[in-house]
Amino acid sequence: MPTKNTPPDHAPPLDMIIFGGAGDLSVRKLLPALYMAHLHGNLPDSTRIIAVGRHEYDRDAYVEFVQQQSRPFIESKNLEERAWQEFLQMLDYVALDATDRAGYGRLAQASRRGVQRAFYLATAPTLFTDICNHLDAAGLVDEASRVVLEKPLGHDLESAREINLAVGRHFSESQIYRIDHYLGKETVQNLMVLRFGNGILEPLWRAPNIESVQITVAETVGVGSRAGFYDNTGALRDMVQNHLLQLLCIIAMEPPVSLDPDAVRDEKLKVLRSLRRMKLGDIARDTIRGQYGSGAVGGEAVKAYRDEQDVPSGSHTETFVALRTYVDTWRWANVPFFLRTGKRMQKRLSQIVIDFANPPFSIFTDEPRTRANRLVIRLQPEESIQLQVMAKQPGSGMQMLPVNLNLDLQSAFSQRRAEAYERLLIDVVRGRLTHFMRRDELEAAWAWADPILEGWKELGEKPLEYTAGSWGPEASAALLARQGLSWVE
């Protein structure tokens, strides 16, 4: 049996209300995460999960749907039949059109009085305004309610502000949880401990001791069934503006005074406001857009992006972005940050690479032409932290070779490691905002990203085609080569 946690004694019963409750995100991530939270005793007693959607299910039909669709996304070792049946008993379903106020009366009848309500909006952001308006009009919002907003929050700065204003009419900032699942990953949260819990690293965590930083989030999957959404979004909006910038913030932020949510988010906001804004010449020189062509991934032939279902034949949407940026602070003066993300890449890989400066003078004449010290923080597929140092090669002479000091987080800790959505959903239940984006953070990220999007439009250049199963356009390698660097793969 799993180790059970005890929710706080004062925790009221919970109604978790999921808009888009029969959608892909709910089926693959949210419902399995809530089951795991229940399995390990992290949900309050008498929790109910009310799915909301346009499908005309009754409760029994929805439970059968979850049985067929969500259960396969739970590892067999975690499937305990008694716990699973208890979880199914928590489920309810309300069919309504999110834009039609009339249906919200049925939702009000389904939700209990005197409970903690958490609304998870796993829908297109264009529906957020209607949903919040109708929830409030139906009397479902009170000062204890919480609302979780899925990314992408807006299409640009203006639309993000509109959404924030609309949601803010009904929920205070302390009730709004803007979710970025990367902030729920164990290794990402461990970055805080790595940086601020170890005295050995903090004195070195700055220029000129650090020469460059790389952040890579590479995917082997293509656009799949998301083509309708993705072709109007692209990799910069889908990945860079949120996931990669959040990783950059944790790497570059100053030490917060505490782990209080606003203390942490204040420091992240300073980083976003210090990101160097790109002008048209910078965009032409320091950003690379790519779009995957046909190729092979994992030995299997795959089609080009433009040949995917629902993608316009002449689409110029980028599926790959690489760029160089700078954080204009004393700590990071003139240190380049290289960001890279793409679909249909050679392997699934999320990592942060910190390249430390080589010693200013070497007494070793046979020193290899390599980076002496490098910190590699691997987020997926496996989670690990690796520090590269130089050591003497056995034998006569003083020839050096790089060796790695490894911390394998999978084997270092025997207890179960919760998935990102599970961890963040528990944070929502317990009212912990530290790992969620604040309104001014979101808007600062868009304020940096918007000029790049506008610059691409003004330059009018098509994205560079790259072969599916590669590491992206060759121009992304040249972006680093200009500074004598290369991507760490």
Protein backbone atom coordinates (compact mmCIF):
# COMPACT_ATOMS: atom_id res chain seq x y z
CA MET A 1 0.00 0.00 0.00
CA PRO A 2 1.23 3.55 -0.68
CA THR A 3 2.15 5.80 2.17
CA LYS A 4 -0.87 7.92 3.02
CA ASN A 5 -0.53 11.61 3.75
CA THR A 6 -2.94 13.32 6.09
CA PRO A 7 -4.61 16.44 4.68
CA PRO A 8 -4.89 19.33 7.14
CA ASP A 9 -7.65 18.78 9.70
CA HIS A 10 -9.28 22.11 8.79
CA ALA A 11 -9.45 21.34 5.05
CA PRO A 12 -13.10 21.65 3.95
CA PRO A 13 -14.66 19.21 1.49
CA LEU A 14 -13.58 19.94 -2.07
CA ASP A 15 -15.50 20.25 -5.32
CA MET A 16 -12.94 20.17 -8.15
CA ILE A 17 -14.85 21.41 -11.20
CA ILE A 18 -13.06 20.77 -14.51
CA PHE A 19 -14.19 22.60 -17.62
CA GLY A 20 -13.10 20.49 -20.58
CA GLY A 21 -13.52 17.43 -18.38
CA ALA A 22 -13.72 15.07 -21.37
CA GLY A 23 -10.87 16.72 -23.25
CA ASP A 24 -7.42 15.37 -23.98
CA LEU A 25 -5.68 17.19 -21.11
CA SER A 26 -8.21 15.94 -18.58
CA VAL A 27 -8.10 12.37 -19.83
CA ARG A 28 -4.32 12.08 -20.09
CA LYS A 29 -3.13 14.28 -17.21
CA LEU A 30 -5.66 15.77 -14.82
CA LEU A 31 -7.79 12.75 -13.96
CA PRO A 32 -4.80 10.38 -13.54
CA ALA A 33 -3.13 13.06 -11.37
CA LEU A 34 -6.22 13.42 -9.19
CA TYR A 35 -6.43 9.63 -8.84
CA MET A 36 -2.80 9.53 -7.67
CA ALA A 37 -3.49 12.36 -5.23
CA HIS A 38 -6.42 10.35 -3.85
CA LEU A 39 -4.38 7.15 -3.72
CA HIS A 40 -1.77 8.84 -1.56
CA GLY A 41 -4.20 10.63 0.72
CA ASN A 42 -3.64 14.13 -0.60
CA LEU A 43 -7.27 15.07 -1.27
CA PRO A 44 -9.66 16.20 1.45
CA ASP A 45 -12.35 13.82 2.64
CA SER A 46 -15.56 13.94 0.64
CA THR A 47 -13.82 15.32 -2.47
CA ARG A 48 -15.97 15.39 -5.60
CA ILE A 49 -14.74 15.89 -9.15
CA ILE A 50 -17.33 17.48 -11.43
CA ALA A 51 -16.45 17.35 -15.11
CA VAL A 52 -18.07 19.92 -17.38
CA GLY A 53 -18.27 19.57 -21.13
CA ARG A 54 -20.45 19.71 -24.23
CA HIS A 55 -20.76 15.94 -24.61
CA GLU A 56 -24.23 14.77 -23.62
CA TYR A 57 -23.02 12.25 -21.02
CA ASP A 58 -24.92 11.31 -17.92
CA ARG A 59 -22.85 10.36 -14.88
CA ASP A 60 -22.71 6.64 -15.68
CA ALA A 61 -21.64 7.27 -19.28
CA TYR A 62 -18.90 9.63 -18.11
CA VAL A 63 -17.61 7.16 -15.53
CA GLU A 64 -17.41 4.52 -18.24
CA PHE A 65 -15.61 7.02 -20.48
CA VAL A 66 -13.01 7.66 -17.75
CA GLN A 67 -12.67 3.94 -17.13
CA GLN A 68 -11.85 3.40 -20.80
CA GLN A 69 -9.83 6.54 -21.56
CA SER A 70 -7.99 7.61 -18.38
CA ARG A 71 -7.17 4.32 -16.71
CA PRO A 72 -4.55 3.39 -19.39
CA PHE A 73 -2.57 6.53 -18.44
CA ILE A 74 -2.01 5.24 -14.90
CA GLU A 75 0.94 2.91 -14.36
CA SER A 76 -0.21 -0.60 -13.51
CA LYS A 77 1.85 -0.61 -10.30
CA ASN A 78 -0.26 2.31 -9.05
CA LEU A 79 -3.64 0.87 -9.95
CA GLU A 80 -5.28 -0.42 -6.79
CA GLU A 81 -8.77 -1.56 -7.56
CA ARG A 82 -10.30 -0.38 -4.29
CA ALA A 83 -8.76 3.09 -4.63
CA TRP A 84 -9.77 3.26 -8.30
CA GLN A 85 -13.38 2.41 -7.50
CA GLU A 86 -13.36 5.04 -4.73
CA PHE A 87 -12.04 7.54 -7.25
CA LEU A 88 -14.78 6.69 -9.76
CA GLN A 89 -17.34 7.31 -7.01
CA MET A 90 -16.03 10.89 -6.73
CA LEU A 91 -16.91 11.66 -10.35
CA ASP A 92 -19.90 13.56 -11.64
CA TYR A 93 -20.66 15.19 -14.98
CA VAL A 94 -22.61 18.25 -16.07
CA ALA A 95 -23.26 18.84 -19.77
CA LEU A 96 -23.31 22.50 -20.73
CA ASP A 97 -22.14 24.97 -23.34
CA ALA A 98 -19.53 27.16 -21.60
CA THR A 99 -20.78 30.23 -23.48
CA ASP A 100 -24.46 29.71 -22.53
CA ARG A 101 -25.39 31.17 -19.16
CA ALA A 102 -28.51 28.99 -18.92
CA GLY A 103 -26.58 25.78 -18.30
CA TYR A 104 -24.77 27.06 -15.22
CA GLY A 105 -27.86 26.57 -13.08
CA ARG A 106 -27.37 22.82 -13.48
CA LEU A 107 -23.77 23.18 -12.36
CA ALA A 108 -24.88 25.16 -9.31
CA GLN A 109 -27.28 22.35 -8.43
CA ALA A 110 -24.54 19.73 -8.82
CA SER A 111 -22.04 21.57 -6.59
CA ARG A 112 -22.51 21.37 -2.85
CA ARG A 113 -22.92 24.31 -0.53
CA GLY A 114 -20.24 25.16 1.98
CA VAL A 115 -17.42 23.42 0.10
CA GLN A 116 -14.09 24.60 -1.26
CA ARG A 117 -14.55 25.07 -5.00
CA ALA A 118 -11.60 24.87 -7.38
CA PHE A 119 -12.41 25.57 -11.03
CA TYR A 120 -9.94 24.15 -13.54
CA LEU A 121 -10.36 25.80 -16.95
CA ALA A 122 -8.86 23.20 -19.31
CA THR A 123 -10.35 24.99 -22.29
CA ALA A 124 -9.29 27.45 -24.96
CA PRO A 125 -8.44 30.79 -23.30
CA THR A 126 -11.11 32.46 -25.46
CA LEU A 127 -13.68 30.83 -23.15
CA PHE A 128 -12.16 32.04 -19.86
CA THR A 129 -14.13 35.32 -19.81
CA ASP A 130 -17.51 33.68 -20.44
CA ILE A 131 -16.88 30.93 -17.92
CA CYS A 132 -15.90 33.30 -15.12
CA ASN A 133 -18.81 35.65 -15.86
CA HIS A 134 -21.33 32.81 -15.78
CA LEU A 135 -19.84 31.14 -12.69
CA ASP A 136 -20.19 34.37 -10.75
CA ALA A 137 -23.70 35.03 -12.04
CA ALA A 138 -24.72 31.52 -10.91
CA GLY A 139 -23.47 32.21 -7.38
CA LEU A 140 -20.65 29.65 -7.60
CA VAL A 141 -17.79 32.05 -6.84
CA ASP A 142 -17.02 33.10 -3.26
CA GLU A 143 -13.96 34.42 -1.46
CA ALA A 144 -12.66 30.88 -0.88
CA SER A 145 -12.96 29.77 -4.52
CA ARG A 146 -9.89 29.12 -6.67
CA VAL A 147 -9.51 29.12 -10.43
CA VAL A 148 -6.78 27.37 -12.42
CA LEU A 149 -5.97 28.81 -15.85
CA GLU A 150 -4.27 26.61 -18.43
CA LYS A 151 -1.72 27.99 -20.86
CA PRO A 152 -1.43 29.64 -23.28
CA LEU A 153 -2.85 32.65 -21.49
CA GLY A 154 -3.53 34.83 -24.47
CA HIS A 155 -2.03 35.20 -27.91
CA ASP A 156 -0.03 38.34 -27.15
CA LEU A 157 0.31 40.98 -24.43
CA GLU A 158 -2.98 42.69 -25.26
CA SER A 159 -5.05 39.50 -25.15
CA ALA A 160 -3.28 38.35 -21.96
CA ARG A 161 -4.19 41.63 -20.29
CA GLU A 162 -7.80 41.26 -21.42
CA ILE A 163 -8.00 37.77 -19.93
CA ASN A 164 -6.38 38.91 -16.68
CA LEU A 165 -8.83 41.80 -16.39
CA ALA A 166 -11.83 39.58 -17.13
CA VAL A 167 -10.85 36.87 -14.63
CA GLY A 168 -9.81 39.51 -12.09
CA ARG A 169 -13.35 40.91 -12.00
CA HIS A 170 -14.48 37.74 -10.26
CA PHE A 171 -11.37 36.33 -8.55
CA SER A 172 -8.70 38.16 -6.56
CA GLU A 173 -5.05 37.60 -7.53
CA SER A 174 -4.62 35.26 -4.55
CA GLN A 175 -7.39 33.03 -5.97
CA ILE A 176 -5.89 32.72 -9.48
CA TYR A 177 -3.52 29.82 -10.30
CA ARG A 178 -1.88 30.30 -13.73
CA ILE A 179 -0.45 26.88 -14.31
CA ASP A 180 2.78 25.99 -16.10
CA HIS A 181 3.32 22.27 -15.60
CA TYR A 182 7.10 22.66 -15.92
CA LEU A 183 7.05 24.39 -12.53
CA GLY A 184 5.62 21.19 -11.05
CA LYS A 185 8.52 19.01 -12.15
CA GLU A 186 10.63 17.72 -9.28
CA THR A 187 13.92 18.71 -10.88
CA VAL A 188 12.69 22.24 -11.64
CA GLN A 189 11.67 22.71 -8.03
CA ASN A 190 14.99 21.18 -7.01
CA LEU A 191 16.73 24.04 -8.84
CA MET A 192 15.72 26.29 -5.97
CA VAL A 193 17.46 24.00 -3.49
CA LEU A 194 20.48 23.54 -5.76
CA ARG A 195 20.93 27.29 -6.05
CA PHE A 196 19.99 28.58 -2.63
CA GLY A 197 20.60 25.58 -0.37
CA ASN A 198 24.26 25.03 -1.28
CA GLY A 199 26.91 27.53 -0.26
CA ILE A 200 29.44 26.03 -2.69
CA LEU A 201 27.57 27.20 -5.81
CA GLU A 202 26.17 30.63 -4.97
CA PRO A 203 29.51 32.53 -5.03
CA LEU A 204 30.17 31.14 -8.53
CA TRP A 205 26.65 31.69 -9.87
CA ARG A 206 27.38 34.88 -11.82
CA ALA A 207 29.54 36.49 -14.46
CA PRO A 208 32.42 36.16 -15.12
CA ASN A 209 32.45 32.69 -13.52
CA ILE A 210 29.66 31.53 -15.83
CA GLU A 211 30.26 32.04 -19.55
CA SER A 212 26.98 30.81 -21.04
CA VAL A 213 23.70 29.10 -20.27
CA GLN A 214 21.75 26.72 -22.53
CA ILE A 215 18.13 25.73 -22.03
CA THR A 216 16.76 23.01 -24.33
CA VAL A 217 13.28 21.49 -24.44
CA ALA A 218 13.20 19.06 -27.37
CA GLU A 219 10.28 16.82 -28.30
CA THR A 220 10.15 13.85 -30.67
CA VAL A 221 6.40 14.13 -31.18
CA GLY A 222 4.84 16.14 -33.98
CA VAL A 223 1.85 18.41 -33.85
CA GLY A 224 -0.54 15.45 -33.75
CA SER A 225 -4.18 16.26 -33.07
CA ARG A 226 -3.34 19.82 -31.94
CA ALA A 227 -2.84 21.19 -35.46
CA GLY A 228 -5.90 23.44 -35.30
CA PHE A 229 -4.56 25.09 -32.16
CA TYR A 230 -0.88 24.88 -32.94
CA ASP A 231 -0.89 26.47 -36.38
CA ASN A 232 -2.25 29.68 -34.86
CA THR A 233 0.25 29.53 -31.99
CA GLY A 234 3.72 28.27 -32.93
CA ALA A 235 6.68 27.28 -30.80
CA LEU A 236 7.50 30.74 -29.42
CA ARG A 237 4.04 31.19 -27.90
CA ASP A 238 3.57 27.52 -27.02
CA MET A 239 6.93 26.88 -25.34
CA VAL A 240 9.36 29.80 -25.13
CA GLN A 241 7.09 32.49 -23.70
CA ASN A 242 6.15 30.25 -20.76
CA HIS A 243 8.14 27.04 -20.13
CA LEU A 244 11.60 28.20 -21.22
CA LEU A 245 11.31 31.67 -19.70
CA GLN A 246 10.24 30.16 -16.39
CA LEU A 247 13.34 27.95 -16.39
CA LEU A 248 15.46 30.97 -17.26
CA CYS A 249 13.93 32.89 -14.34
CA ILE A 250 14.84 30.22 -11.81
CA ILE A 251 18.41 30.06 -13.14
CA ALA A 252 18.87 33.85 -13.20
CA MET A 253 16.84 35.11 -10.23
CA GLU A 254 18.34 36.66 -7.12
CA PRO A 255 17.85 34.85 -3.79
CA PRO A 256 14.32 35.55 -2.49
CA VAL A 257 13.97 36.57 1.14
CA SER A 258 11.77 33.50 1.78
CA LEU A 259 9.71 30.86 -0.02
CA ASP A 260 6.62 33.02 0.34
CA PRO A 261 4.87 33.00 -3.06
CA ASP A 262 5.22 36.72 -3.64
CA ALA A 263 8.86 36.77 -2.51
CA VAL A 264 9.76 34.14 -5.10
CA ARG A 265 7.65 35.67 -7.85
CA ASP A 266 9.01 39.16 -7.17
CA GLU A 267 12.50 37.90 -8.02
CA LYS A 268 11.32 36.10 -11.15
CA LEU A 269 9.57 39.28 -12.28
CA LYS A 270 12.83 41.21 -11.96
CA VAL A 271 14.49 38.74 -14.34
CA LEU A 272 11.71 39.06 -16.92
CA ARG A 273 11.94 42.84 -16.76
CA SER A 274 15.74 42.63 -17.16
CA LEU A 275 15.58 40.49 -20.31
CA ARG A 276 17.11 42.51 -23.13
CA ARG A 277 14.41 43.61 -25.57
CA MET A 278 15.18 42.66 -29.15
CA LYS A 279 15.16 45.15 -32.00
CA LEU A 280 14.72 44.12 -35.63
CA GLY A 281 18.46 43.66 -36.20
CA ASP A 282 18.76 41.52 -33.06
CA ILE A 283 15.82 39.38 -34.18
CA ALA A 284 17.35 38.81 -37.62
CA ARG A 285 20.73 37.87 -36.11
CA ASP A 286 19.84 36.10 -32.85
CA THR A 287 16.65 34.13 -33.54
CA ILE A 288 16.14 31.03 -35.67
CA ARG A 289 12.71 29.78 -36.80
CA GLY A 290 12.30 26.28 -38.14
CA GLN A 291 9.58 23.95 -39.38
CA TYR A 292 10.00 20.19 -39.59
CA GLY A 293 9.98 18.44 -42.91
CA SER A 294 9.57 14.72 -43.49
CA GLY A 295 12.07 12.34 -41.95
CA ALA A 296 12.34 9.54 -39.42
CA VAL A 297 12.03 9.57 -35.65
CA GLY A 298 12.91 6.47 -33.69
CA GLY A 299 13.27 4.50 -36.91
CA GLU A 300 9.75 5.37 -38.04
CA ALA A 301 9.03 7.54 -41.08
CA VAL A 302 7.07 10.69 -40.26
CA LYS A 303 5.46 13.32 -42.47
CA ALA A 304 6.31 16.98 -42.76
CA TYR A 305 4.47 19.57 -40.67
CA ARG A 306 2.64 20.92 -43.72
CA ASP A 307 1.40 17.41 -44.51
CA GLU A 308 -0.12 16.93 -41.05
CA GLN A 309 -3.90 16.82 -40.83
CA ASP A 310 -5.54 20.27 -40.51
CA VAL A 311 -2.30 22.18 -41.27
CA PRO A 312 -2.64 24.64 -44.19
CA SER A 313 -0.38 23.67 -47.08
CA GLY A 314 1.39 27.03 -47.10
CA SER A 315 1.77 27.38 -43.34
CA HIS A 316 4.69 29.45 -42.05
CA THR A 317 4.16 28.48 -38.41
CA GLU A 318 7.39 27.64 -36.61
CA THR A 319 7.78 24.27 -34.89
CA PHE A 320 11.33 25.13 -33.78
CA VAL A 321 12.87 28.19 -32.16
CA ALA A 322 16.45 28.87 -31.10
CA LEU A 323 17.56 32.25 -29.84
CA ARG A 324 20.20 34.12 -27.89
CA THR A 325 19.21 36.60 -25.21
CA TYR A 326 20.77 38.44 -22.28
CA VAL A 327 19.72 39.30 -18.74
CA ASP A 328 20.93 42.85 -18.20
CA THR A 329 21.89 42.77 -14.52
CA TRP A 330 25.20 42.93 -12.68
CA ARG A 331 25.06 39.20 -11.98
CA TRP A 332 24.58 38.24 -15.64
CA ALA A 333 26.26 41.05 -17.56
CA ASN A 334 27.27 39.82 -21.06
CA VAL A 335 26.42 36.17 -20.32
CA PRO A 336 24.47 34.76 -23.30
CA PHE A 337 21.40 32.62 -22.60
CA PHE A 338 20.64 30.25 -25.48
CA LEU A 339 17.08 28.91 -25.64
CA ARG A 340 16.00 26.09 -27.95
CA THR A 341 12.79 24.12 -28.39
CA GLY A 342 11.35 22.07 -31.21
CA LYS A 343 9.08 19.24 -32.31
CA ARG A 344 10.19 16.14 -34.21
CA MET A 345 13.69 16.44 -32.79
CA GLN A 346 16.23 13.62 -32.60
CA LYS A 347 15.40 12.74 -29.00
CA ARG A 348 13.17 13.85 -26.17
CA LEU A 349 15.34 16.02 -23.99
CA SER A 350 14.84 18.83 -21.48
CA GLN A 351 17.97 20.15 -19.85
CA ILE A 352 19.81 23.20 -18.58
CA VAL A 353 23.55 23.50 -19.22
CA ILE A 354 25.70 25.93 -17.23
CA ASP A 355 29.14 26.44 -18.79
CA PHE A 356 31.64 27.77 -16.26
CA ALA A 357 34.65 29.79 -17.38
CA ASN A 358 37.90 27.90 -17.88
CA PRO A 359 40.81 28.75 -15.57
CA PRO A 360 42.51 31.98 -16.73
CA PHE A 361 45.83 30.19 -17.19
CA SER A 362 46.65 26.52 -17.63
CA ILE A 363 49.88 24.84 -16.59
CA PHE A 364 48.87 21.64 -18.37
CA THR A 365 50.28 21.64 -21.89
CA ASP A 366 48.32 18.54 -22.89
CA GLU A 367 45.00 20.02 -21.80
CA PRO A 368 42.17 18.89 -24.11
CA ARG A 369 40.26 21.60 -25.94
CA THR A 370 37.08 21.19 -23.94
CA ARG A 371 35.01 22.95 -21.35
CA ALA A 372 36.62 22.26 -17.97
CA ASN A 373 33.55 22.65 -15.76
CA ARG A 374 29.96 22.23 -16.86
CA LEU A 375 26.79 21.69 -14.85
CA VAL A 376 24.09 19.72 -16.68
CA ILE A 377 20.64 19.63 -15.10
CA ARG A 378 18.50 17.04 -16.86
CA LEU A 379 14.73 17.42 -16.48
CA GLN A 380 13.55 14.66 -18.81
CA PRO A 381 13.39 11.88 -19.78
CA GLU A 382 15.41 10.99 -16.66
CA GLU A 383 16.09 13.47 -13.87
CA SER A 384 19.70 14.03 -12.89
CA ILE A 385 22.32 16.62 -12.04
CA GLN A 386 25.81 16.19 -13.45
CA LEU A 387 28.90 18.27 -12.72
CA GLN A 388 31.81 17.90 -15.12
CA VAL A 389 35.32 18.37 -13.71
CA MET A 390 38.79 17.65 -15.05
CA ALA A 391 40.81 14.70 -13.74
CA LYS A 392 44.15 13.13 -14.56
CA GLN A 393 44.08 10.25 -16.97
CA PRO A 394 45.75 7.14 -15.46
CA GLY A 395 49.29 6.56 -16.67
CA SER A 396 52.44 8.59 -17.03
CA GLY A 397 52.26 12.28 -17.77
CA MET A 398 49.62 14.78 -16.77
CA GLN A 399 47.01 14.32 -19.45
CA MET A 400 43.54 15.41 -18.36
CA LEU A 401 40.10 14.13 -19.25
CA PRO A 402 36.65 15.37 -18.20
CA VAL A 403 34.83 13.17 -15.69
CA ASN A 404 31.34 13.57 -14.28
CA LEU A 405 30.13 13.77 -10.72
CA ASN A 406 26.57 12.48 -10.93
CA LEU A 407 23.52 12.87 -8.77
CA ASP A 408 20.92 10.44 -10.06
CA LEU A 409 17.76 11.75 -8.44
CA GLN A 410 15.86 8.57 -9.32
CA SER A 411 18.14 6.38 -7.25
CA ALA A 412 19.17 8.93 -4.59
CA PHE A 413 15.64 9.05 -3.17
CA SER A 414 13.61 5.91 -2.75
CA GLN A 415 10.23 7.55 -2.20
CA ARG A 416 7.77 7.99 -5.03
CA ARG A 417 8.15 11.10 -7.19
CA ALA A 418 4.83 12.71 -8.04
CA GLU A 419 4.20 13.85 -11.60
CA ALA A 420 4.04 17.58 -12.30
CA TYR A 421 0.26 17.90 -12.59
CA GLU A 422 -0.30 15.88 -9.43
CA ARG A 423 2.06 18.10 -7.48
CA LEU A 424 0.51 21.30 -8.81
CA LEU A 425 -3.05 20.12 -8.22
CA ILE A 426 -2.16 19.38 -4.61
CA ASP A 427 -0.76 22.91 -4.39
CA VAL A 428 -4.11 24.24 -5.64
CA VAL A 429 -6.00 22.21 -3.05
CA ARG A 430 -3.72 23.47 -0.27
CA GLY A 431 -3.63 27.07 -1.45
CA ARG A 432 0.09 27.23 -2.32
CA LEU A 433 0.83 29.78 -5.05
CA THR A 434 4.64 29.67 -5.21
CA HIS A 435 4.80 27.53 -8.35
CA PHE A 436 2.16 29.44 -10.30
CA MET A 437 2.60 32.58 -12.40
CA ARG A 438 1.45 35.94 -11.13
CA ARG A 439 -0.32 38.39 -13.40
CA ASP A 440 2.63 40.78 -13.74
CA GLU A 441 4.96 37.86 -14.49
CA LEU A 442 2.77 36.72 -17.35
CA GLU A 443 2.50 40.20 -18.80
CA ALA A 444 6.24 40.81 -18.51
CA ALA A 445 6.91 37.58 -20.44
CA TRP A 446 4.55 38.67 -23.21
CA ALA A 447 6.12 42.14 -23.28
CA TRP A 448 9.45 40.47 -24.12
CA ALA A 449 8.02 37.96 -26.63
CA ASP A 450 5.74 40.30 -28.59
CA PRO A 451 8.52 42.28 -30.34
CA ILE A 452 10.02 39.00 -31.59
CA LEU A 453 6.69 37.93 -33.08
CA GLU A 454 6.25 41.36 -34.66
CA GLY A 455 9.84 41.31 -35.94
CA TRP A 456 9.33 37.95 -37.65
CA LYS A 457 6.23 39.33 -39.31
CA GLU A 458 8.10 42.43 -40.49
CA LEU A 459 11.07 40.42 -41.79
CA GLY A 460 8.66 38.19 -43.69
CA GLU A 461 11.02 35.21 -43.81
CA LYS A 462 9.73 31.65 -43.98
CA PRO A 463 10.88 29.27 -41.25
CA LEU A 464 13.88 27.14 -42.19
CA GLU A 465 13.00 23.54 -42.95
CA TYR A 466 14.71 20.85 -40.91
CA THR A 467 14.57 17.10 -41.27
CA ALA A 468 12.35 15.36 -38.74
CA GLY A 469 14.60 13.39 -36.41
CA SER A 470 17.42 15.96 -36.51
CA TRP A 471 18.41 18.66 -34.01
CA GLY A 472 16.77 21.41 -36.02
CA PRO A 473 18.04 23.81 -38.71
CA GLU A 474 21.80 24.06 -39.14
CA ALA A 475 21.53 27.78 -38.49
CA SER A 476 20.83 27.02 -34.81
CA ALA A 477 24.30 25.48 -34.50
CA ALA A 478 25.80 28.55 -36.14
CA LEU A 479 24.08 30.73 -33.54
CA LEU A 480 26.41 29.25 -30.90
CA ALA A 481 29.40 28.69 -33.16
CA ARG A 482 29.81 32.46 -33.52
CA GLN A 483 30.85 32.45 -29.85
CA GLY A 484 32.94 29.28 -30.06
CA LEU A 485 30.18 27.19 -28.46
CA SER A 486 27.99 24.26 -29.45
CA TRP A 487 24.74 22.79 -28.22
CA VAL A 488 25.20 20.08 -25.60
CA GLU A 489 23.32 17.03 -26.87
